[in-house]
Protein backbone atom coordinates (compact mmCIF):
# COMPACT_ATOMS: atom_id res chain seq x y z
CA MET A 1 101.72 84.78 84.43
CA PRO A 2 95.63 80.47 86.75
CA SER A 3 95.86 82.82 89.46
CA GLU A 4 95.43 82.34 93.14
CA SER A 5 96.88 84.96 92.68
CA THR A 6 105.57 91.97 104.74
CA ARG A 7 107.84 92.53 108.44
CA ARG A 8 109.67 92.09 111.39
CA GLY A 9 108.17 89.89 114.06
CA ASP A 10 110.71 89.47 116.85
CA GLY A 11 114.03 90.81 115.65
CA GLU A 12 115.06 93.17 118.46
CA ASP A 13 117.96 92.16 120.69
CA GLN A 14 116.99 91.40 124.29
CA THR A 15 119.10 92.04 127.36
CA VAL A 16 119.34 90.38 130.76
CA ASP A 17 120.91 91.75 133.92
CA ALA A 18 123.95 90.12 135.49
CA ALA A 19 123.87 89.04 139.13
CA PRO A 20 123.51 92.01 141.55
CA ARG A 21 126.61 94.16 141.63
CA PRO A 22 127.32 97.69 142.72
CA VAL A 23 126.76 98.84 139.14
CA PRO A 24 124.34 96.60 137.15
CA ILE A 25 125.70 95.82 133.72
CA PRO A 26 123.25 94.82 130.95
CA ILE A 27 124.49 91.73 129.12
CA PRO A 28 123.10 91.34 125.59
CA VAL A 29 121.79 87.94 124.66
CA PRO A 30 123.60 87.02 121.44
CA THR A 31 121.32 86.57 118.45
CA PRO A 32 122.76 85.20 115.20
CA SER A 33 122.30 87.41 112.19
CA PRO A 34 123.57 87.23 108.62
CA SER A 35 126.42 89.52 107.67
CA ARG A 36 124.14 90.86 104.96
CA ALA A 37 120.50 91.33 105.95
CA SER A 38 118.08 89.72 103.55
CA PRO A 39 115.88 92.24 101.73
CA TRP A 40 113.08 89.66 101.63
CA SER A 41 112.30 88.60 105.21
CA ASP A 42 113.33 89.43 108.76
CA ARG A 43 112.21 85.95 109.80
CA ILE A 44 114.29 83.94 107.34
CA ASP A 45 118.07 84.07 107.47
CA ALA A 46 119.54 85.33 104.21
CA ALA A 47 121.65 82.18 103.92
CA ALA A 48 118.47 80.06 103.89
CA ILE A 49 117.08 81.79 100.80
CA SER A 50 118.32 80.20 97.60
CA CYS A 51 119.40 82.51 94.78
CA HIS A 52 119.41 81.57 91.11
CA ASP A 53 120.37 83.69 88.10
CA VAL A 54 119.20 81.15 85.56
CA THR A 55 117.53 81.64 82.17
CA LEU A 56 116.44 78.48 80.40
CA PRO A 57 116.09 78.28 76.61
CA GLY A 58 112.60 79.43 75.63
CA ILE A 59 110.04 81.59 77.43
CA ALA A 60 107.69 78.69 78.22
CA ALA A 61 110.41 76.79 80.08
CA ASN A 62 111.16 79.81 82.25
CA LEU A 63 107.50 80.35 83.13
CA ALA A 64 107.21 76.63 83.92
CA LEU A 65 110.32 76.72 86.11
CA ASP A 66 108.84 79.50 88.24
CA GLU A 67 105.74 77.38 88.79
CA ALA A 68 107.87 74.31 89.57
CA LEU A 69 109.89 76.22 92.18
CA LEU A 70 106.66 77.25 93.91
CA ILE A 71 105.24 73.70 93.83
CA GLU A 72 108.44 72.23 95.26
CA ALA A 73 108.47 74.76 98.10
CA ASP A 74 104.78 74.34 98.92
CA GLU A 75 105.17 70.56 99.07
CA GLY A 76 108.07 70.85 101.51
CA ARG A 77 110.84 69.90 99.09
CA GLY A 78 112.30 73.30 98.26
CA PRO A 79 113.52 76.47 99.99
CA ALA A 80 112.57 80.11 99.74
CA ILE A 81 113.98 81.40 96.47
CA VAL A 82 114.90 84.53 94.59
CA ARG A 83 115.39 83.89 90.88
CA PHE A 84 116.51 86.24 88.10
CA TRP A 85 115.99 85.53 84.41
CA GLU A 86 116.10 87.51 81.17
CA PRO A 87 115.05 86.20 77.76
CA ALA A 88 117.17 86.58 74.65
CA GLY A 89 114.17 87.36 72.42
CA PHE A 90 110.92 89.28 72.66
CA ALA A 91 107.66 87.69 73.78
CA VAL A 92 104.23 88.72 75.01
CA VAL A 93 103.18 87.18 78.34
CA LEU A 94 99.53 87.26 79.37
CA GLY A 95 98.36 87.32 82.96
CA ALA A 96 96.58 84.16 84.06
CA THR A 97 93.06 85.34 83.18
CA ARG A 98 93.71 88.09 80.62
CA ARG A 99 91.94 87.87 77.26
CA LEU A 100 94.27 87.36 74.34
CA ARG A 101 92.30 89.26 71.69
CA ASP A 102 91.55 92.19 73.99
CA GLU A 103 95.14 92.83 75.04
CA VAL A 104 97.43 91.71 72.20
CA HIS A 105 97.89 92.93 68.62
CA LEU A 106 98.03 89.41 67.24
CA GLU A 107 98.67 90.33 63.60
CA ALA A 108 101.73 92.38 64.52
CA CYS A 109 103.04 89.58 66.75
CA ARG A 110 102.61 87.03 63.97
CA ALA A 111 104.17 89.30 61.37
CA ASP A 112 107.24 89.91 63.54
CA GLY A 113 107.55 86.41 64.97
CA VAL A 114 106.84 87.52 68.55
CA PRO A 115 105.32 84.54 70.41
CA VAL A 116 102.56 84.81 73.00
CA PHE A 117 102.58 82.91 76.30
CA ARG A 118 100.57 82.86 79.51
CA ARG A 119 101.90 82.78 83.06
CA SER A 120 100.32 81.26 86.16
CA SER A 121 100.20 84.48 88.18
CA GLY A 122 97.67 87.26 87.81
CA GLY A 123 98.37 90.81 86.71
CA GLY A 124 98.45 92.41 83.28
CA THR A 125 99.93 91.54 79.91
CA VAL A 126 103.56 92.46 79.30
CA LEU A 127 106.15 92.48 76.55
CA ILE A 128 109.45 91.09 77.79
CA GLY A 129 112.83 90.62 76.15
CA PRO A 130 116.43 91.76 76.41
CA GLY A 131 116.58 94.63 78.88
CA THR A 132 113.83 93.19 81.09
CA LEU A 133 114.99 91.62 84.34
CA ASN A 134 112.39 89.15 85.57
CA VAL A 135 112.54 88.60 89.33
CA THR A 136 110.73 85.68 90.94
CA VAL A 137 110.37 85.60 94.74
CA VAL A 138 109.04 82.43 96.42
CA LEU A 139 108.30 82.74 100.15
CA PRO A 140 106.22 81.01 102.84
CA ASP A 141 103.32 82.92 104.33
CA THR A 142 105.24 82.80 107.64
CA ALA A 143 107.97 85.08 106.24
CA GLY A 144 106.16 88.04 107.79
CA PRO A 145 102.94 88.89 109.62
CA GLY A 146 99.71 88.72 107.63
CA LEU A 147 101.20 87.19 104.50
CA SER A 148 98.31 84.78 104.06
CA ALA A 149 96.50 87.81 102.59
CA VAL A 150 97.20 88.61 98.93
CA ASP A 151 97.55 92.37 99.36
CA ALA A 152 99.85 92.08 102.37
CA ALA A 153 102.11 89.62 100.56
CA GLN A 154 102.30 91.88 97.51
CA GLN A 155 103.13 94.92 99.60
CA HIS A 156 105.74 92.94 101.55
CA VAL A 157 107.65 91.88 98.43
CA LEU A 158 107.27 95.09 96.42
CA GLY A 159 108.02 97.32 99.39
CA ARG A 160 111.22 95.47 100.13
CA MET A 161 112.17 95.37 96.47
CA ALA A 162 111.69 99.13 96.19
CA GLY A 163 113.73 99.70 99.34
CA ALA A 164 116.64 97.66 98.01
CA ILE A 165 116.55 99.49 94.67
CA ARG A 166 116.49 102.86 96.44
CA GLN A 167 119.62 101.87 98.34
CA ALA A 168 121.21 101.08 94.97
CA GLY A 169 120.56 104.65 93.82
CA ALA A 170 117.17 104.83 92.03
CA ALA A 171 114.36 106.63 93.88
CA VAL A 172 111.51 104.24 93.13
CA ASP A 173 108.28 103.85 95.05
CA VAL A 174 105.34 101.46 94.89
CA ARG A 175 101.99 102.42 93.41
CA ALA A 176 98.72 100.60 92.81
CA HIS A 177 99.75 97.74 95.13
CA GLY A 178 102.26 96.34 92.69
CA ASP A 179 103.96 98.82 90.33
CA LEU A 180 107.52 100.07 90.72
CA VAL A 181 107.39 103.75 89.77
CA LEU A 182 110.11 106.29 89.06
CA ASP A 183 109.13 109.96 88.61
CA ASP A 184 105.47 109.02 88.08
CA ARG A 185 106.32 106.48 85.37
CA LYS A 186 106.15 102.71 85.70
CA CYS A 187 109.42 100.78 85.47
CA GLY A 188 108.24 97.45 86.90
CA GLY A 189 105.03 95.45 87.15
CA SER A 190 104.22 92.52 89.40
CA ALA A 191 101.79 89.64 89.87
CA GLN A 192 101.17 86.93 92.44
CA ARG A 193 100.43 83.19 92.52
CA ARG A 194 99.49 81.33 95.71
CA LEU A 195 99.33 77.70 96.74
CA ARG A 196 98.53 76.37 100.25
CA ARG A 197 101.21 77.98 102.41
CA TRP A 198 103.65 79.47 99.93
CA PHE A 199 103.31 82.24 97.38
CA LEU A 200 105.21 83.54 94.40
CA VAL A 201 105.55 87.15 93.24
CA HIS A 202 106.72 87.92 89.73
CA CYS A 203 108.17 91.32 88.90
CA SER A 204 109.38 92.41 85.46
CA ILE A 205 111.76 95.36 85.70
CA LEU A 206 112.57 97.48 82.65
CA TYR A 207 116.20 98.62 82.74
CA ASP A 208 117.38 98.75 79.11
CA PHE A 209 114.27 97.93 77.13
CA PRO A 210 113.10 99.43 73.79
CA ILE A 211 109.82 100.83 75.12
CA ASP A 212 108.84 102.12 71.68
CA ARG A 213 108.22 98.50 70.65
CA ILE A 214 105.49 97.94 73.21
CA PRO A 215 102.59 99.76 71.44
CA ARG A 216 103.08 97.60 68.36
CA TYR A 217 102.27 94.41 70.27
CA LEU A 218 100.13 95.45 73.25
CA ALA A 219 96.78 97.21 73.26
CA MET A 220 95.95 99.78 75.91
CA PRO A 221 94.72 97.81 78.95
CA ALA A 222 91.05 98.14 79.85
CA ARG A 223 91.95 98.24 83.56
CA GLN A 224 94.41 100.98 84.46
CA PRO A 225 95.69 102.35 87.76
CA GLU A 226 94.51 105.85 88.54
CA TYR A 227 98.01 107.33 88.39
CA ARG A 228 98.34 106.28 84.74
CA ARG A 229 95.78 108.95 83.76
CA GLY A 230 95.18 107.37 80.36
CA ARG A 231 98.77 107.83 79.19
CA PRO A 232 99.88 105.65 76.26
CA HIS A 233 102.58 103.03 76.85
CA ILE A 234 105.42 105.20 75.59
CA ASP A 235 104.54 108.06 77.97
CA PHE A 236 103.69 105.86 80.94
CA LEU A 237 106.63 103.42 81.01
CA CYS A 238 110.33 104.05 81.61
CA ASN A 239 113.59 102.22 82.13
CA LEU A 240 115.16 102.06 85.55
CA PRO A 241 118.54 103.87 85.37
CA LEU A 242 120.55 101.00 86.84
CA PRO A 243 122.50 98.24 85.08
CA ARG A 244 121.50 94.62 85.45
CA THR A 245 124.48 93.87 87.69
CA ALA A 246 123.44 96.57 90.15
CA LEU A 247 119.86 95.28 90.26
CA VAL A 248 120.94 91.70 90.93
CA GLU A 249 123.39 92.88 93.59
CA ALA A 250 120.64 94.90 95.31
CA LEU A 251 118.03 92.14 95.22
CA ARG A 252 120.01 88.96 95.85
CA PRO A 253 119.22 87.53 99.29
CA GLY A 254 122.68 87.02 100.81
CA GLU A 255 126.41 87.58 100.58
CA GLY A 256 127.27 84.73 98.24
CA PRO A 257 126.83 84.80 94.47
CA CYS A 258 123.66 83.48 92.87
CA SER A 259 123.78 80.10 91.21
CA SER A 260 124.13 80.50 87.47
CA ASP A 261 123.75 76.88 86.37
CA ALA A 262 122.48 76.53 82.84
CA GLU A 263 119.88 73.97 83.92
CA ALA A 264 116.96 73.91 86.33
CA PRO A 265 117.56 72.44 89.80
CA PRO A 266 116.87 68.68 89.75
CA GLY A 267 113.66 68.71 91.82
CA PRO A 268 111.82 71.46 89.95
CA GLY A 269 113.40 70.34 86.70
CA ALA A 270 111.61 67.00 86.95
CA LEU A 271 108.27 68.83 86.89
CA LEU A 272 108.97 70.79 83.72
CA PRO A 273 107.88 68.26 81.05
CA ALA A 274 104.38 67.90 82.50
CA LEU A 275 104.00 71.64 83.18
CA LEU A 276 105.04 72.46 79.61
CA ALA A 277 102.76 69.85 78.05
CA ASP A 278 99.73 70.71 80.16
CA ARG A 279 100.07 74.48 80.35
CA PHE A 280 102.98 76.70 79.45
CA ALA A 281 103.71 75.33 75.96
CA ASN A 282 100.14 74.19 75.29
CA PRO A 283 98.35 76.46 72.77
CA HIS A 284 94.92 75.50 74.15
CA TRP A 285 95.90 76.65 77.64
CA ILE A 286 97.60 79.81 76.39
CA GLU A 287 94.67 80.80 74.17
CA ARG A 288 91.84 79.69 76.45
CA PHE A 289 90.71 83.25 77.15
């Protein structure tokens, strides 16, 4: 998904002493906290993070909506957001600067009607479709210390994502600064996009995906993390053993349900036509590398 291309700061309760008495009694200063702690930031109340479980028709529209949500937030018109989406059909999605002919088996894609798109975030090329939960996290760089740095922001989001998934029952960890890994096999990949003060992290999580389809459409990547050890896709990737409902429950930011409107929110939605025409549905932009 062009690419420009976490932690507690002050969360401990404080106490003050009452007026002198024979036995001093510490009196806690009340600090408001959400009934469900947000997995995404100790500095932003869970109720202030918007949650959307919304998949628009077409891959390009969903990639454009992620970009629109980031733009709206960075320009002061939108909140922090966690969004879930899952396409009904298969598609290849290139990272912002990945080379189409180096990473994609184009003839197989054309023969099978699998379209190719490009996202605005960095990272590698992926095949997505039913059984892939795409998670988009949009946060300000004030959501934790040091988040103006790319690596720190990536570790913040992926570390918290892994922690939430572990609490749901799958013993994942984070490797190579951005992979969710289960038993030495990758079940999720991530990428980042930054604007002035806000950033977006994409993560595609495999939970019920036909991994045997991936080698038909994707070449072996030239750049590989060390822990891959040259393994082909089918031996390197795995599905996370949790249903979609459990993943959404683990990763949603607060107590309430996520919005499941069939349309984009009005503000970001107004940006979609231009984003689609200029980039995400524009063959020249998609095929520029």
